[in-house]
Every structure is written in structure tokens, then in C-alpha cells.
Amino acid sequence: QQQQQQQQQQEEQKKEAERVQALQQQEEQRKEAERMQAIWQQEEQRKEAERVQALQQQEEQRKEAEHVQAMQLEEEAQRRKVERMLAIQQEEQRRRTEEQQKQQRAEAEEQGRRAEWERAQQEQLLRQQEQQLASEHERKEAERVRAEGQRLKQEQQQREAAQLHAQQLQQQQERQRQQQEQQRLQASAPAPIAAPAPVSAPAPIAPPPTAAPAPIAAPAPISAPAPVATPTPMAPHEQVSMCAPYQPHEQVSRVCAESRLVG
């Protein structure tokens, strides 16, 4: 009987040990399942966080791109506005320059016509004065008159050269002023706003200032020519005698020959 009891106790102990072992295994499996579930949840949370972060970055990049595009559009609008203003100002300057050049050409033509008229009057006066010379004393006077005429011609040519030089300097000053005005307008244009890039664009270099040329003194006014005296009409036989062939006793023919050369 004791042996049977011992066997029963051993059997119960064995069953209890198996039950305890089964419980321990179940507990281990439960803990392992919980650990695996926690790891899976952490992985899911990490993936979700990465997805949310990627969406946020995409949204930030989209907003930045929209901002840059808006700035570029604003810069393009400003550039076009400045270009329109420059084009209008350049057209206005071109029109003023053409008007000034046209006025200068008209003044130069008027001065040329007036100088030509003065030369014609002076030459006519010289011819008339030389035609009235009939003696050796008058021939000497004619030579003096011719010298005076040459001097007047030279003075007239010098005045014309000075006027031409003044006009050329004035045109050069106008071109320099227009270049300075254009450079000033280009320098006053707003600097472009560069889009975000790895390398920044260099700043624009301002053009060097150009010194203004010295003012040109106005040329001396041209005095009006003296009135031309009307020659006394000659008789037919006197006109023939002045242009007759040269004879030793005739001094008038030399005056006629010299007047032809001067004419």
C-alpha cells in the first residue's frame, strides 16, 4: 500500500511538473508574442513617421518652389517694366537727337548760303571795282583791293572752319551725354533676384563715370557785307576800248586782262 501511495505521489508530482512546465512554456510564448507585437508596432510607427516626414518635406519643397516661381515672375515683370521705360526714353532721346541734328543741318545750310552770298557780293564788288580802274594808279588800287579780297576770303574760310569745328564738338558732346544717360538708366535698373542655386551669380559692375566735356565758346557773329556800289554804265566805245588788245600807249588792257583772271 505504501508502494502504491508512493507511485501515486510520483505520478501526481510528474503531472504537476508537466503542468507547471506547460504553463511556463505558455508564459514564454505569450511574452515572445508580446515582444514580437511590440517590435512590429515600433516598425509600423517608424514607417508612419518616415512617411509623414517625407510628406512634410515634399510640402515644404512645393511651397519653396512656388515662392521661388513667384519671385521669378515678379522679377521678370520688373525687368520688362524697366525695359519698356528704357525703350521709351531711348526713343525720346533719339527723336530729340534727330530734331537737333536737323536743326543744326538747317543752320549750317543757312550759314553756307549766307557765306556764299557774301562771297558772291565781295567778288562782284571786286570785279566792279577792277572794271572801273583805268590808270596805273587805279591798277595799284585794284591790286590792293584784290589783296583785301583774299584776306576777306581767308577770314571767311577761317570762320566757316571754326563753325564746323564747333558743330562737330557739339555733336560729340551730345553723343557722350546720351551714352551717359543710357548708362545711368541701366545702372538704376533693379538687380535681378537669383533663384536658390549652389553657386551665386556675381554682382553687376557699375559703369565708370564719364567726365563732362568742357563747354565750347560760341563763334563770332558774321558781319553783314557792305552794300555794293552800282557801277556807272559805260558807253559802247568805252567797253570795247577796255577789252581791246594791249598797246604800249594803252594801260587799260592790262586791267582788263587782270580782271579776267580775278573773275
Protein backbone atom coordinates (compact mmCIF):
# COMPACT_ATOMS: atom_id res chain seq x y z
CA GLN A 1 0.00 0.00 0.00
CA GLN A 2 2.80 2.37 0.76
CA GLN A 3 4.35 1.48 -2.54
CA GLN A 4 1.10 2.31 -4.31
CA GLN A 5 0.89 5.60 -2.48
CA GLN A 6 4.43 6.44 -3.46
CA GLN A 7 3.66 5.62 -7.07
CA GLN A 8 0.56 7.82 -6.96
CA GLN A 9 2.55 10.66 -5.43
CA GLN A 10 5.23 10.29 -8.03
CA GLU A 11 2.58 10.24 -10.73
CA GLU A 12 0.96 13.36 -9.34
CA GLN A 13 4.31 15.10 -8.99
CA LYS A 14 5.10 14.18 -12.56
CA LYS A 15 1.76 15.55 -13.76
CA GLU A 16 2.26 18.68 -11.67
CA ALA A 17 5.71 19.15 -13.13
CA GLU A 18 4.34 18.70 -16.63
CA ARG A 19 1.56 21.17 -15.90
CA VAL A 20 4.00 23.71 -14.48
CA GLN A 21 6.27 23.21 -17.47
CA ALA A 22 3.32 23.69 -19.83
CA LEU A 23 2.36 26.87 -18.01
CA GLN A 24 5.91 28.13 -18.22
CA GLN A 25 6.03 27.40 -21.95
CA GLN A 26 2.73 29.20 -22.46
CA GLU A 27 4.04 32.18 -20.48
CA GLU A 28 7.22 32.22 -22.55
CA GLN A 29 5.22 32.05 -25.78
CA ARG A 30 2.94 34.86 -24.59
CA LYS A 31 5.90 37.05 -23.72
CA GLU A 32 7.54 36.27 -27.06
CA ALA A 33 4.31 37.11 -28.86
CA GLU A 34 4.04 40.39 -26.94
CA ARG A 35 7.68 41.23 -27.73
CA MET A 36 7.16 40.48 -31.42
CA GLN A 37 3.98 42.55 -31.44
CA ALA A 38 5.80 45.47 -29.79
CA ILE A 39 8.60 45.22 -32.35
CA TRP A 40 6.04 45.16 -35.19
CA GLN A 41 4.23 48.17 -33.72
CA GLN A 42 7.52 50.08 -33.41
CA GLU A 43 8.36 49.27 -37.03
CA GLU A 44 4.94 50.44 -38.15
CA GLN A 45 5.28 53.64 -36.14
CA ARG A 46 8.74 54.25 -37.62
CA LYS A 47 7.43 53.73 -41.15
CA GLU A 48 4.49 56.04 -40.46
CA ALA A 49 6.81 58.70 -39.05
CA GLU A 50 9.06 58.44 -42.10
CA ARG A 51 6.05 58.71 -44.41
CA VAL A 52 4.76 61.78 -42.56
CA GLN A 53 8.22 63.36 -42.62
CA ALA A 54 8.53 62.69 -46.36
CA LEU A 55 5.13 64.29 -46.95
CA GLN A 56 6.14 67.31 -44.89
CA GLN A 57 9.38 67.66 -46.83
CA GLN A 58 7.51 67.42 -50.13
CA GLU A 59 5.08 70.08 -48.95
CA GLU A 60 7.93 72.36 -47.88
CA GLN A 61 9.68 71.85 -51.20
CA ARG A 62 6.47 72.60 -53.08
CA LYS A 63 5.93 75.80 -51.10
CA GLU A 64 9.56 76.84 -51.66
CA ALA A 65 9.25 76.16 -55.39
CA GLU A 66 6.04 78.21 -55.55
CA HIS A 67 7.76 81.04 -53.67
CA VAL A 68 10.77 80.98 -56.00
CA GLN A 69 8.49 80.89 -59.04
CA ALA A 70 6.52 83.87 -57.72
CA MET A 71 9.74 85.80 -57.11
CA GLN A 72 10.97 84.97 -60.61
CA LEU A 73 7.68 86.13 -62.12
CA GLU A 74 7.89 89.36 -60.14
CA GLU A 75 11.49 89.85 -61.26
CA GLU A 76 10.51 89.22 -64.89
CA ALA A 77 7.69 91.76 -64.61
CA GLN A 78 10.07 94.35 -63.13
CA ARG A 79 12.63 93.65 -65.86
CA ARG A 80 10.04 94.09 -68.60
CA LYS A 81 8.85 97.30 -66.98
CA VAL A 82 12.41 98.66 -66.87
CA GLU A 83 12.98 97.60 -70.48
CA ARG A 84 9.82 99.41 -71.56
CA MET A 85 10.91 102.56 -69.71
CA LEU A 86 14.38 102.36 -71.24
CA ALA A 87 12.92 101.86 -74.71
CA ILE A 88 10.62 104.88 -74.27
CA GLN A 89 13.47 107.06 -73.00
CA GLN A 90 15.80 105.90 -75.77
CA GLU A 91 13.15 106.64 -78.39
CA GLU A 92 12.62 110.09 -76.89
CA GLN A 93 16.37 110.73 -76.89
CA ARG A 94 16.63 109.53 -80.49
CA ARG A 95 13.79 111.83 -81.54
CA ARG A 96 15.37 114.82 -79.76
CA THR A 97 18.75 114.00 -81.31
CA GLU A 98 17.22 113.82 -84.79
CA GLU A 99 15.48 117.15 -84.26
CA GLN A 100 18.71 118.76 -83.03
CA GLN A 101 20.68 117.32 -85.94
CA LYS A 102 18.04 118.50 -88.39
CA GLN A 103 18.13 121.98 -86.86
CA GLN A 104 21.93 122.02 -86.95
CA ARG A 105 21.93 120.94 -90.60
CA ALA A 106 19.43 123.66 -91.44
CA GLU A 107 21.55 126.25 -89.61
CA ALA A 108 24.70 125.01 -91.36
CA GLU A 109 22.98 125.20 -94.74
CA GLU A 110 21.74 128.69 -93.95
CA GLN A 111 25.22 129.76 -92.90
CA GLY A 112 26.66 128.20 -96.06
CA ARG A 113 24.15 130.04 -98.24
CA ARG A 114 24.85 133.29 -96.42
CA ALA A 115 28.61 132.79 -96.75
CA GLU A 116 28.19 132.00 -100.45
CA TRP A 117 26.10 135.12 -100.92
CA GLU A 118 28.73 137.18 -99.10
CA ARG A 119 31.48 135.72 -101.26
CA ALA A 120 29.45 136.44 -104.39
CA GLN A 121 28.84 140.00 -103.25
CA GLN A 122 32.50 140.51 -102.44
CA GLU A 123 33.62 139.05 -105.76
CA GLN A 124 31.09 141.15 -107.63
CA LEU A 125 32.28 144.22 -105.77
CA LEU A 126 35.89 143.40 -106.63
CA ARG A 127 35.04 142.86 -110.29
CA GLN A 128 33.11 146.10 -110.45
CA GLN A 129 35.90 148.00 -108.73
CA GLU A 130 38.53 146.49 -111.04
CA GLN A 131 36.47 147.31 -114.12
CA GLN A 132 36.47 150.98 -113.07
CA LEU A 133 40.28 151.16 -112.86
CA ALA A 134 41.75 152.90 -115.94
CA SER A 135 45.22 154.06 -114.97
CA GLU A 136 48.37 152.86 -113.31
CA HIS A 137 47.30 154.41 -110.06
CA GLU A 138 43.96 152.61 -110.34
CA ARG A 139 45.77 149.34 -111.17
CA LYS A 140 47.70 149.61 -107.91
CA GLU A 141 44.43 150.27 -106.12
CA ALA A 142 43.00 147.17 -107.80
CA GLU A 143 45.91 145.09 -106.51
CA ARG A 144 45.25 146.39 -103.04
CA VAL A 145 41.55 145.56 -103.42
CA ARG A 146 42.41 142.04 -104.59
CA ALA A 147 44.67 141.55 -101.57
CA GLU A 148 41.88 142.79 -99.33
CA GLY A 149 39.52 140.36 -101.03
CA GLN A 150 41.90 137.48 -100.47
CA ARG A 151 42.17 138.46 -96.83
CA LEU A 152 38.40 138.60 -96.51
CA LYS A 153 38.11 135.20 -98.17
CA GLN A 154 40.64 133.72 -95.78
CA GLU A 155 38.84 135.22 -92.79
CA GLN A 156 35.54 133.84 -94.08
CA GLN A 157 37.08 130.38 -94.54
CA GLN A 158 38.52 130.52 -91.03
CA ARG A 159 35.12 131.48 -89.61
CA GLU A 160 33.46 128.64 -91.50
CA ALA A 161 36.10 126.16 -90.27
CA ALA A 162 35.58 127.37 -86.68
CA GLN A 163 31.81 126.98 -87.03
CA LEU A 164 32.21 123.47 -88.45
CA HIS A 165 34.56 122.53 -85.62
CA ALA A 166 32.10 123.90 -83.04
CA GLN A 167 29.26 121.91 -84.60
CA GLN A 168 31.34 118.71 -84.55
CA LEU A 169 32.26 119.25 -80.89
CA GLN A 170 28.61 119.91 -80.05
CA GLN A 171 27.54 116.68 -81.76
CA GLN A 172 30.27 114.77 -79.91
CA GLN A 173 29.08 116.25 -76.59
CA GLU A 174 25.51 115.21 -77.40
CA ARG A 175 26.61 111.64 -78.14
CA GLN A 176 28.58 111.49 -74.88
CA ARG A 177 25.61 112.86 -72.95
CA GLN A 178 23.31 110.24 -74.47
CA GLN A 179 25.77 107.46 -73.59
CA GLN A 180 25.99 108.74 -70.01
CA GLU A 181 22.18 108.91 -69.77
CA GLN A 182 21.82 105.35 -71.07
CA GLN A 183 24.47 104.07 -68.66
CA ARG A 184 22.73 105.86 -65.79
CA LEU A 185 19.39 104.31 -66.70
CA GLN A 186 20.92 100.84 -66.97
CA ALA A 187 22.68 101.27 -63.62
CA SER A 188 19.43 102.41 -61.94
CA ALA A 189 17.60 99.20 -63.00
CA PRO A 190 16.78 96.82 -60.02
CA ALA A 191 19.25 93.97 -59.50
CA PRO A 192 17.84 90.55 -60.53
CA ILE A 193 16.72 88.16 -57.72
CA ALA A 194 18.55 84.91 -58.31
CA ALA A 195 16.78 81.60 -57.64
CA PRO A 196 18.33 79.39 -54.89
CA ALA A 197 21.27 77.67 -56.55
CA PRO A 198 24.52 76.11 -55.36
CA VAL A 199 26.59 78.91 -56.95
CA SER A 200 25.57 82.60 -56.51
CA ALA A 201 25.75 84.94 -59.52
CA PRO A 202 28.34 87.79 -59.37
CA ALA A 203 27.10 91.28 -58.68
CA PRO A 204 26.82 93.59 -61.74
CA ILE A 205 29.71 96.02 -62.24
CA ALA A 206 28.64 99.67 -62.43
CA PRO A 207 29.95 101.56 -65.50
CA PRO A 208 32.71 104.13 -64.81
CA PRO A 209 31.54 107.75 -64.75
CA THR A 210 32.42 109.80 -67.82
CA ALA A 211 33.68 113.33 -67.29
CA ALA A 212 31.61 116.03 -68.97
CA PRO A 213 33.44 117.83 -71.82
CA ALA A 214 34.35 121.49 -71.48
CA PRO A 215 31.83 123.98 -72.91
CA ILE A 216 32.52 125.33 -76.41
CA ALA A 217 32.68 129.05 -76.95
CA ALA A 218 30.19 130.37 -79.47
CA PRO A 219 31.73 131.51 -82.80
CA ALA A 220 31.96 135.21 -83.54
CA PRO A 221 28.97 136.58 -85.45
CA ILE A 222 29.43 137.18 -89.16
CA SER A 223 29.15 140.83 -90.01
CA ALA A 224 26.88 141.79 -92.86
CA PRO A 225 28.69 142.74 -96.09
CA ALA A 226 28.92 146.35 -97.13
CA PRO A 227 26.47 147.46 -99.78
CA VAL A 228 27.75 147.04 -103.31
CA ALA A 229 28.07 150.25 -105.25
CA THR A 230 26.37 150.21 -108.60
CA PRO A 231 28.95 150.91 -111.35
CA THR A 232 28.43 153.73 -113.75
CA PRO A 233 27.30 152.37 -117.11
CA MET A 234 29.90 152.73 -119.84
CA ALA A 235 29.43 153.77 -123.40
CA PRO A 236 29.82 151.08 -126.08
CA HIS A 237 33.11 152.53 -127.34
CA GLU A 238 34.48 152.63 -123.75
CA GLN A 239 33.63 148.96 -123.15
CA VAL A 240 35.34 147.99 -126.38
CA SER A 241 38.42 150.04 -125.53
CA MET A 242 38.82 148.33 -122.12
CA CYS A 243 38.94 144.87 -123.66
CA ALA A 244 40.95 145.85 -126.75
CA PRO A 245 44.34 144.17 -127.42
CA TYR A 246 47.23 145.54 -125.41
CA GLN A 247 49.13 148.50 -126.92
CA PRO A 248 52.10 150.35 -125.41
CA HIS A 249 50.16 153.56 -125.08
CA GLU A 250 47.08 151.80 -123.63
CA GLN A 251 47.15 150.89 -119.93
CA VAL A 252 43.51 149.82 -119.71
CA SER A 253 44.03 146.49 -121.50
CA ARG A 254 46.25 145.27 -118.65
CA VAL A 255 43.44 145.97 -116.20
CA CYS A 256 41.05 144.04 -118.44
CA ALA A 257 43.38 141.02 -118.51
CA GLU A 258 43.81 141.07 -114.74
CA SER A 259 40.08 141.40 -114.19
CA ARG A 260 39.55 138.28 -116.32
CA LEU A 261 41.97 136.35 -114.08
CA VAL A 262 40.28 137.59 -110.92
CA GLY A 263 36.84 136.82 -112.33
